[in-house]
Amino acid sequence: AISLRWTKKTPYEVLKFMLDCERKDVNKRFAFVNDEPRIEALMNICELSRSQAVKYTMVGCNEPSFPGTVWFGGLTCNAVRSLLNTFKRRKELLSCENFEQFYAVYRDELAKDIAEIMNYWVAFNKMRAKDNHVVSAFLLDGCIQNAIAPNRGGCEVKIGGFSLMGVTCVIDSLSIIKQFVFEEKRVDMAHLLDVLQSNWAADPDLRTQILKQGRFFGNSDPLSDEMARRFTTELHDMTQPYADKIGVHPLIGTLAGYNPHHMNFGAQTAATPDGRYDGDGLMVGVGQAGGRDRSGLAALLKSVAQMNPSGILCGPNVCNVLIDEVLIRNDDYFDTVCRTIEQYFHMGGIHIQLNYVSKEELLAARKDPGTHQNLRVRVSGYSTSFVLLPDAHQQEILNRTVQK
């Protein structure tokens, strides 16, 4: 990841230069991160001083880290579970007269899941602390002075957290419920729950309506954007009372690294109101896919930039964007793309990385892998050869919306 703070040039000059390097890099090694939101989160949530926070860097697939410390993480969870548990409270939902009453039931389930996640996170770090990493203590800042091993909290800087898969699915599902059930009254709650239980078979036309007319996240739509901010604020407010054994307050990530958690969780997740079928994979990171983001690149990035006012998603976080290759290869269009991404960062966007291979080439690679061995794509936070990916991963990339 390339940070913009290391040069005296303007952010736009650096950004355009690095994006130009990126479009010439066949190995897809560039990701772009914005310092200020993450530094603010490290100060406000992790309780670091500014002099400490500015020393952060990005490692691996886009995990925040510091020289001389460790990340107290390792827990990946399904954000959609609390929504599915809400649907099990059918009798209560059928009595809801407005969205706020529905949301109160959902919030109760979300709070239960967050409490369980936090208990597992604390327990995991207690298990981690059972070993006494004496050798590591010689290499990491603060451990000798504190006479405490790094895995027991001896480092000068302490950060950690967990990752959530399915964040966009939750935001979209809540938006659709508010729009279709309570605002526009196109469907009642009982019918929606029955349709979801049937995996959309009971009313496929409803799914078609939702996919065509739903107010999905990523379109700079006031309803879904506000739902995104509401959801991330809930995550912040629910997690901050917790701290693990060494006093670390968690940041939340949205990526799965090299592990297909988004697919594994999706395979065990029932149909959701956003039009997703039972068993479909969850989306990696924040953003949108499947044609639900239909208002263009600027609208997508505006939604993502404003979704996280608390900064709680400043853990391992990615925003993958599939963009029309013409916008990258044509110099006139390329300048517009650079300006759009610059504005995204000014509005508070944390991260972006690009794919700009055509759907036609991806489909051709699927049909004839032998002649497309060098076709590289961004998957989660990492890049690899498209033809080496499992079929489900290839399909997930094909499902991403081409931004024009």
Protein backbone atom coordinates (compact mmCIF):
# COMPACT_ATOMS: atom_id res chain seq x y z
CA ALA A 1 0.00 0.00 0.00
CA ILE A 2 1.28 3.47 -0.86
CA SER A 3 0.82 6.19 1.75
CA LEU A 4 0.44 9.80 0.60
CA ARG A 5 2.16 11.36 3.61
CA TRP A 6 5.73 10.61 2.62
CA THR A 7 6.12 13.37 0.02
CA LYS A 8 5.82 17.15 -0.25
CA LYS A 9 3.91 16.83 -3.51
CA THR A 10 0.18 17.38 -3.50
CA PRO A 11 -1.96 14.33 -2.79
CA TYR A 12 -3.36 14.49 -6.31
CA GLU A 13 0.11 14.50 -7.90
CA VAL A 14 1.18 11.50 -5.86
CA LEU A 15 -2.12 9.70 -6.44
CA LYS A 16 -2.04 10.17 -10.20
CA PHE A 17 1.60 9.10 -10.38
CA MET A 18 0.93 5.95 -8.37
CA LEU A 19 -2.26 5.14 -10.28
CA ASP A 20 -0.23 5.48 -13.46
CA CYS A 21 2.28 3.00 -12.02
CA GLU A 22 -0.59 0.73 -11.04
CA ARG A 23 -2.14 0.64 -14.51
CA LYS A 24 1.22 -0.45 -15.91
CA ASP A 25 1.72 -3.19 -13.31
CA VAL A 26 0.59 -6.56 -14.66
CA ASN A 27 0.96 -8.15 -11.22
CA LYS A 28 -1.70 -5.94 -9.57
CA ARG A 29 0.43 -5.03 -6.54
CA PHE A 30 -0.92 -1.56 -5.73
CA ALA A 31 -3.53 -0.60 -3.16
CA PHE A 32 -4.28 2.95 -2.06
CA VAL A 33 -4.98 3.99 1.51
CA ASN A 34 -5.95 7.27 3.16
CA ASP A 35 -4.08 8.13 6.36
CA GLU A 36 -6.34 10.58 8.13
CA PRO A 37 -9.42 8.42 8.88
CA ARG A 38 -7.27 5.59 10.15
CA ILE A 39 -5.02 7.84 12.24
CA GLU A 40 -8.12 9.38 13.81
CA ALA A 41 -9.54 5.92 14.56
CA LEU A 42 -6.25 4.77 16.07
CA MET A 43 -6.34 7.77 18.38
CA ASN A 44 -10.06 7.73 19.27
CA ILE A 45 -10.66 3.99 19.45
CA CYS A 46 -7.26 2.49 20.22
CA GLU A 47 -6.33 5.39 22.51
CA LEU A 48 -2.96 6.04 20.86
CA SER A 49 -1.30 9.44 20.82
CA ARG A 50 -0.97 11.13 17.44
CA SER A 51 2.81 10.63 17.53
CA GLN A 52 2.15 6.90 17.91
CA ALA A 53 -0.72 6.68 15.42
CA VAL A 54 1.17 8.29 12.52
CA LYS A 55 3.71 5.46 12.64
CA TYR A 56 1.21 2.88 11.41
CA THR A 57 1.75 1.01 8.16
CA MET A 58 -0.13 -1.55 6.08
CA VAL A 59 0.95 -5.18 5.84
CA GLY A 60 -0.33 -8.36 4.23
CA CYS A 61 -3.69 -7.97 2.49
CA ASN A 62 -4.34 -4.53 4.03
CA GLU A 63 -3.94 -5.00 7.77
CA PRO A 64 -2.87 -1.99 9.86
CA SER A 65 0.28 -2.59 11.82
CA PHE A 66 3.11 -0.84 13.64
CA PRO A 67 6.84 -1.48 13.85
CA GLY A 68 7.58 -3.24 17.10
CA THR A 69 4.16 -4.62 17.97
CA VAL A 70 1.59 -7.32 17.13
CA TRP A 71 -2.05 -7.33 15.99
CA PHE A 72 -4.33 -8.89 18.59
CA GLY A 73 -6.83 -10.40 16.20
CA GLY A 74 -7.59 -13.67 14.44
CA LEU A 75 -11.40 -13.78 14.71
CA THR A 76 -13.65 -13.70 11.62
CA CYS A 77 -17.44 -13.55 11.96
CA ASN A 78 -20.65 -13.50 9.93
CA ALA A 79 -22.38 -10.11 10.16
CA VAL A 80 -25.57 -11.52 8.64
CA ARG A 81 -26.26 -13.98 11.46
CA SER A 82 -27.94 -11.43 13.70
CA LEU A 83 -30.33 -10.51 10.87
CA LEU A 84 -31.27 -14.16 10.33
CA ASN A 85 -31.81 -14.57 14.07
CA THR A 86 -34.10 -11.56 13.93
CA PHE A 87 -36.27 -13.33 11.34
CA LYS A 88 -36.76 -16.21 13.79
CA ARG A 89 -38.65 -13.82 16.08
CA ARG A 90 -41.58 -13.92 13.68
CA LYS A 91 -44.36 -13.12 16.14
CA GLU A 92 -42.62 -9.94 17.28
CA LEU A 93 -41.86 -8.86 13.73
CA LEU A 94 -45.46 -9.28 12.62
CA SER A 95 -46.51 -6.87 15.35
CA CYS A 96 -44.08 -4.14 14.24
CA GLU A 97 -45.96 -1.12 12.95
CA ASN A 98 -42.92 0.77 11.66
CA PHE A 99 -39.28 0.29 10.82
CA GLU A 100 -38.04 1.59 14.16
CA GLN A 101 -39.90 -1.18 15.96
CA PHE A 102 -38.41 -3.74 13.58
CA TYR A 103 -34.96 -2.23 14.04
CA ALA A 104 -35.27 -2.48 17.82
CA VAL A 105 -35.72 -6.25 17.49
CA TYR A 106 -32.78 -6.45 15.08
CA ARG A 107 -30.60 -4.30 17.31
CA ASP A 108 -31.27 -6.67 20.20
CA GLU A 109 -30.00 -9.61 18.12
CA LEU A 110 -27.01 -7.61 16.91
CA ALA A 111 -26.10 -6.75 20.52
CA LYS A 112 -26.24 -10.44 21.44
CA ASP A 113 -23.93 -11.36 18.57
CA ILE A 114 -21.48 -8.55 19.36
CA ALA A 115 -21.37 -9.68 23.00
CA GLU A 116 -20.63 -13.25 21.88
CA ILE A 117 -17.98 -12.06 19.44
CA MET A 118 -16.33 -9.97 22.11
CA ASN A 119 -16.32 -12.90 24.55
CA TYR A 120 -14.61 -15.09 21.97
CA TRP A 121 -12.13 -12.33 21.14
CA VAL A 122 -11.23 -11.83 24.80
CA ALA A 123 -10.96 -15.60 25.33
CA PHE A 124 -8.76 -15.96 22.25
CA ASN A 125 -6.32 -13.36 23.53
CA LYS A 126 -6.30 -14.99 26.97
CA MET A 127 -5.27 -18.23 25.29
CA ARG A 128 -2.62 -16.35 23.32
CA ALA A 129 -1.23 -14.98 26.59
CA LYS A 130 -0.64 -18.44 28.08
CA ASP A 131 2.67 -18.71 26.24
CA ASN A 132 5.56 -16.53 27.33
CA HIS A 133 7.25 -15.21 24.18
CA VAL A 134 10.61 -14.35 25.70
CA VAL A 135 12.63 -14.19 22.46
CA SER A 136 10.06 -11.93 20.76
CA ALA A 137 10.26 -9.57 23.73
CA PHE A 138 13.83 -8.68 22.73
CA LEU A 139 12.62 -7.52 19.31
CA LEU A 140 9.45 -5.55 20.04
CA ASP A 141 9.23 -2.08 21.55
CA GLY A 142 8.33 -1.78 25.23
CA CYS A 143 8.48 -5.43 26.27
CA ILE A 144 11.86 -5.21 28.01
CA GLN A 145 10.96 -1.97 29.76
CA ASN A 146 7.61 -3.39 30.90
CA ALA A 147 9.03 -6.85 31.65
CA ILE A 148 6.00 -8.31 29.86
CA ALA A 149 5.94 -10.60 26.81
CA PRO A 150 4.38 -9.15 23.64
CA ASN A 151 1.51 -11.66 23.61
CA ARG A 152 0.68 -10.55 27.16
CA GLY A 153 0.51 -6.88 26.27
CA GLY A 154 4.08 -5.79 26.78
CA CYS A 155 4.41 -3.77 23.57
CA GLU A 156 4.31 0.00 23.71
CA VAL A 157 1.55 0.10 21.05
CA LYS A 158 -1.41 -2.26 21.35
CA ILE A 159 -4.00 -2.77 18.60
CA GLY A 160 -6.37 -5.56 17.67
CA GLY A 161 -9.84 -6.51 16.56
CA PHE A 162 -11.87 -8.87 14.40
CA SER A 163 -13.33 -9.08 10.90
CA LEU A 164 -16.97 -9.15 9.75
CA MET A 165 -18.10 -10.76 6.52
CA GLY A 166 -21.34 -9.58 4.90
CA VAL A 167 -21.44 -5.94 6.00
CA THR A 168 -22.97 -4.74 2.71
CA CYS A 169 -25.52 -7.58 2.77
CA VAL A 170 -26.77 -6.37 6.15
CA ILE A 171 -26.96 -2.73 5.06
CA ASP A 172 -28.84 -3.62 1.88
CA SER A 173 -31.22 -6.00 3.64
CA LEU A 174 -32.15 -3.40 6.26
CA SER A 175 -32.65 -0.81 3.51
CA ILE A 176 -34.93 -3.13 1.52
CA ILE A 177 -37.02 -3.94 4.59
CA LYS A 178 -37.47 -0.25 5.35
CA GLN A 179 -38.27 0.59 1.72
CA PHE A 180 -40.48 -2.33 0.65
CA VAL A 181 -42.21 -3.26 3.91
CA PHE A 182 -42.61 -0.04 5.85
CA GLU A 183 -42.26 2.94 3.50
CA GLU A 184 -43.71 1.77 0.18
CA LYS A 185 -45.72 -1.15 1.64
CA ARG A 186 -45.16 -3.33 -1.41
CA VAL A 187 -45.01 -6.46 0.73
CA ASP A 188 -46.01 -7.30 4.28
CA MET A 189 -43.58 -8.79 6.75
CA ALA A 190 -45.28 -12.19 6.86
CA HIS A 191 -45.02 -12.64 3.09
CA LEU A 192 -41.40 -11.49 3.00
CA LEU A 193 -40.43 -13.97 5.72
CA ASP A 194 -42.24 -16.77 3.86
CA VAL A 195 -40.53 -15.88 0.59
CA LEU A 196 -37.10 -15.87 2.23
CA GLN A 197 -37.81 -19.22 3.85
CA SER A 198 -38.65 -20.60 0.39
CA ASN A 199 -35.38 -19.21 -0.99
CA TRP A 200 -37.43 -16.80 -3.18
CA ALA A 201 -39.33 -19.66 -4.86
CA ALA A 202 -42.64 -18.52 -3.37
CA ASP A 203 -42.44 -15.14 -5.12
CA PRO A 204 -39.63 -14.75 -7.67
CA ASP A 205 -41.27 -11.58 -8.98
CA LEU A 206 -40.67 -9.89 -5.63
CA ARG A 207 -36.96 -10.64 -5.94
CA THR A 208 -36.98 -9.15 -9.44
CA GLN A 209 -38.65 -5.99 -8.13
CA ILE A 210 -36.13 -5.69 -5.32
CA LEU A 211 -33.13 -6.11 -7.62
CA LYS A 212 -34.49 -3.58 -10.13
CA GLN A 213 -35.94 -0.97 -7.79
CA GLY A 214 -34.26 -1.49 -4.43
CA ARG A 215 -32.45 1.45 -2.87
CA PHE A 216 -29.14 -0.34 -2.47
CA PHE A 217 -25.95 0.90 -0.90
CA GLY A 218 -23.38 2.34 -3.31
CA ASN A 219 -25.68 4.67 -5.24
CA SER A 220 -25.34 7.78 -3.05
CA ASP A 221 -28.91 7.11 -1.96
CA PRO A 222 -29.98 8.83 1.29
CA LEU A 223 -31.86 5.80 2.65
CA SER A 224 -29.12 3.20 2.19
CA ASP A 225 -26.29 5.60 3.04
CA GLU A 226 -27.98 6.48 6.32
CA MET A 227 -28.51 2.77 7.01
CA ALA A 228 -24.80 2.20 6.47
CA ARG A 229 -23.88 4.96 8.91
CA ARG A 230 -26.40 3.67 11.42
CA PHE A 231 -25.03 0.13 11.21
CA THR A 232 -21.37 1.12 11.57
CA THR A 233 -22.21 3.47 14.44
CA GLU A 234 -23.97 0.58 16.19
CA LEU A 235 -20.84 -1.52 15.74
CA HIS A 236 -18.76 1.22 17.32
CA ASP A 237 -21.09 1.83 20.23
CA MET A 238 -21.54 -1.88 20.96
CA THR A 239 -17.85 -2.82 20.82
CA GLN A 240 -16.21 0.06 22.64
CA PRO A 241 -17.32 -0.92 26.16
CA TYR A 242 -15.31 -4.11 25.66
CA ALA A 243 -11.57 -4.50 25.98
CA ASP A 244 -9.48 -7.63 26.06
CA LYS A 245 -7.19 -8.69 28.90
CA ILE A 246 -4.53 -6.11 28.01
CA GLY A 247 -6.96 -3.23 27.47
CA VAL A 248 -7.21 -3.23 23.67
CA HIS A 249 -10.42 -1.80 22.20
CA PRO A 250 -11.23 -3.46 18.88
CA LEU A 251 -11.14 -2.18 15.34
CA ILE A 252 -13.27 -4.09 12.83
CA GLY A 253 -12.10 -5.40 9.47
CA THR A 254 -14.02 -6.51 6.39
CA LEU A 255 -11.57 -8.74 4.52
CA ALA A 256 -10.76 -12.42 4.69
CA GLY A 257 -7.11 -12.43 3.63
CA TYR A 258 -6.24 -15.61 1.78
CA ASN A 259 -9.04 -17.53 3.49
CA PRO A 260 -12.44 -17.87 1.75
CA HIS A 261 -14.42 -16.95 4.86
CA HIS A 262 -16.88 -14.91 2.79
CA MET A 263 -17.67 -18.02 0.74
CA ASN A 264 -17.76 -20.38 3.71
CA PHE A 265 -20.09 -18.14 5.68
CA GLY A 266 -22.24 -17.53 2.62
CA ALA A 267 -22.64 -21.25 2.03
CA GLN A 268 -24.24 -21.52 5.49
CA THR A 269 -26.32 -18.34 5.28
CA ALA A 270 -29.98 -18.42 4.26
CA ALA A 271 -31.59 -16.11 1.70
CA THR A 272 -31.56 -12.41 2.60
CA PRO A 273 -33.88 -9.49 1.67
CA ASP A 274 -31.32 -7.94 -0.68
CA GLY A 275 -32.11 -10.64 -3.26
CA ARG A 276 -29.32 -12.98 -2.26
CA TYR A 277 -30.06 -16.71 -2.56
CA ASP A 278 -29.48 -19.26 0.19
CA GLY A 279 -25.84 -20.34 0.00
CA ASP A 280 -24.55 -17.50 -2.17
CA GLY A 281 -21.20 -16.10 -1.06
CA LEU A 282 -20.97 -12.86 0.88
CA MET A 283 -19.16 -9.89 -0.60
CA VAL A 284 -15.54 -9.19 0.30
CA GLY A 285 -14.91 -5.84 1.96
CA VAL A 286 -17.11 -2.76 1.66
CA GLY A 287 -18.68 -1.54 -1.53
CA GLN A 288 -21.24 -3.18 -3.77
CA ALA A 289 -21.61 -5.85 -6.45
CA GLY A 290 -24.09 -7.75 -8.61
CA GLY A 291 -25.35 -4.69 -10.48
CA ARG A 292 -26.84 -3.18 -7.33
CA ASP A 293 -24.44 -0.23 -7.71
CA ARG A 294 -25.99 1.29 -10.81
CA SER A 295 -25.19 5.00 -10.46
CA GLY A 296 -21.52 5.01 -11.45
CA LEU A 297 -18.10 5.19 -9.84
CA ALA A 298 -18.51 8.59 -8.17
CA ALA A 299 -21.77 7.58 -6.46
CA LEU A 300 -20.30 4.28 -5.28
CA LEU A 301 -17.24 5.92 -3.75
CA LYS A 302 -19.30 8.70 -2.17
CA SER A 303 -21.39 6.09 -0.35
CA VAL A 304 -18.35 4.14 0.82
CA ALA A 305 -16.51 7.28 1.95
CA GLN A 306 -19.37 8.38 4.20
CA MET A 307 -20.46 5.03 5.64
CA ASN A 308 -18.19 4.93 8.68
CA PRO A 309 -18.19 8.17 10.70
CA SER A 310 -16.81 6.53 13.86
CA GLY A 311 -13.87 4.91 12.03
CA ILE A 312 -14.66 1.50 13.54
CA LEU A 313 -14.01 -0.19 10.15
CA CYS A 314 -10.38 0.97 10.19
CA GLY A 315 -9.18 -2.55 10.87
CA PRO A 316 -8.21 -4.79 7.92
CA ASN A 317 -10.51 -3.20 5.37
CA VAL A 318 -10.78 -3.27 1.57
CA CYS A 319 -12.84 -1.63 -1.14
CA ASN A 320 -12.50 -3.55 -4.40
CA VAL A 321 -13.69 -1.76 -7.54
CA LEU A 322 -14.05 -3.30 -11.01
CA ILE A 323 -13.72 -0.47 -13.51
CA ASP A 324 -14.12 -0.30 -17.27
CA GLU A 325 -10.70 -0.77 -18.83
CA VAL A 326 -11.27 2.18 -21.17
CA LEU A 327 -11.35 4.54 -18.19
CA ILE A 328 -7.88 3.40 -17.20
CA ARG A 329 -6.20 3.05 -20.59
CA ASN A 330 -7.53 6.28 -22.12
CA ASP A 331 -5.53 9.21 -20.69
CA ASP A 332 -8.43 11.68 -20.80
CA TYR A 333 -10.72 9.33 -18.88
CA PHE A 334 -7.87 8.34 -16.60
CA ASP A 335 -7.50 11.89 -15.31
CA THR A 336 -11.21 11.90 -14.40
CA VAL A 337 -10.80 8.61 -12.53
CA CYS A 338 -7.86 10.08 -10.60
CA ARG A 339 -9.90 13.14 -9.65
CA THR A 340 -12.79 10.94 -8.53
CA ILE A 341 -10.55 8.83 -6.31
CA GLU A 342 -8.94 11.98 -4.89
CA GLN A 343 -12.40 13.25 -3.89
CA TYR A 344 -13.17 9.84 -2.39
CA PHE A 345 -10.21 10.25 -0.06
CA HIS A 346 -11.12 13.86 0.77
CA MET A 347 -14.60 12.66 1.78
CA GLY A 348 -13.12 10.08 4.16
CA GLY A 349 -12.56 6.96 2.06
CA ILE A 350 -10.01 4.62 3.62
CA HIS A 351 -8.97 2.23 0.87
CA ILE A 352 -9.40 1.39 -2.80
CA GLN A 353 -7.90 -1.13 -5.19
CA LEU A 354 -8.82 -1.65 -8.81
CA ASN A 355 -9.57 -4.41 -11.26
CA TYR A 356 -10.01 -3.26 -14.84
CA VAL A 357 -10.16 -6.44 -16.84
CA SER A 358 -13.22 -6.90 -19.05
CA LYS A 359 -15.95 -9.44 -18.30
CA GLU A 360 -15.33 -10.87 -21.78
CA GLU A 361 -11.70 -11.62 -20.94
CA LEU A 362 -12.65 -13.17 -17.61
CA LEU A 363 -15.18 -15.43 -19.31
CA ALA A 364 -12.63 -16.34 -21.98
CA ALA A 365 -10.15 -17.24 -19.24
CA ARG A 366 -12.73 -19.50 -17.64
CA LYS A 367 -13.33 -21.25 -20.94
CA ASP A 368 -9.66 -21.59 -21.90
CA PRO A 369 -7.42 -21.27 -18.79
CA GLY A 370 -4.30 -22.37 -20.64
CA THR A 371 -4.10 -19.20 -22.71
CA HIS A 372 -4.81 -16.84 -19.79
CA GLN A 373 -2.23 -17.92 -17.23
CA ASN A 374 -0.97 -14.35 -16.76
CA LEU A 375 -4.35 -12.74 -16.12
CA ARG A 376 -4.07 -11.23 -12.61
CA VAL A 377 -6.99 -10.00 -10.51
CA ARG A 378 -7.67 -8.54 -7.09
CA VAL A 379 -9.55 -11.07 -4.97
CA SER A 380 -9.72 -9.87 -1.36
CA GLY A 381 -6.73 -7.88 -0.21
CA TYR A 382 -4.47 -9.96 -2.42
CA SER A 383 -3.91 -10.55 -6.13
CA THR A 384 -3.48 -13.82 -7.97
CA SER A 385 -3.91 -15.48 -11.36
CA PHE A 386 -7.61 -15.62 -12.19
CA VAL A 387 -7.42 -19.13 -13.62
CA LEU A 388 -5.94 -20.49 -10.36
CA LEU A 389 -8.95 -19.40 -8.31
CA PRO A 390 -11.69 -21.87 -7.33
CA ASP A 391 -14.87 -21.57 -9.38
CA ALA A 392 -16.78 -19.77 -6.61
CA HIS A 393 -14.06 -17.10 -6.34
CA GLN A 394 -14.06 -16.60 -10.10
CA GLN A 395 -17.82 -16.16 -10.05
CA GLU A 396 -17.58 -13.62 -7.23
CA ILE A 397 -15.25 -11.48 -9.34
CA LEU A 398 -17.51 -11.85 -12.38
CA ASN A 399 -20.44 -10.68 -10.25
CA ARG A 400 -18.75 -7.36 -9.49
CA THR A 401 -20.29 -4.40 -11.28
CA VAL A 402 -18.20 -2.78 -14.01
CA GLN A 403 -18.04 0.92 -13.15
CA LYS A 404 -18.17 3.24 -16.16
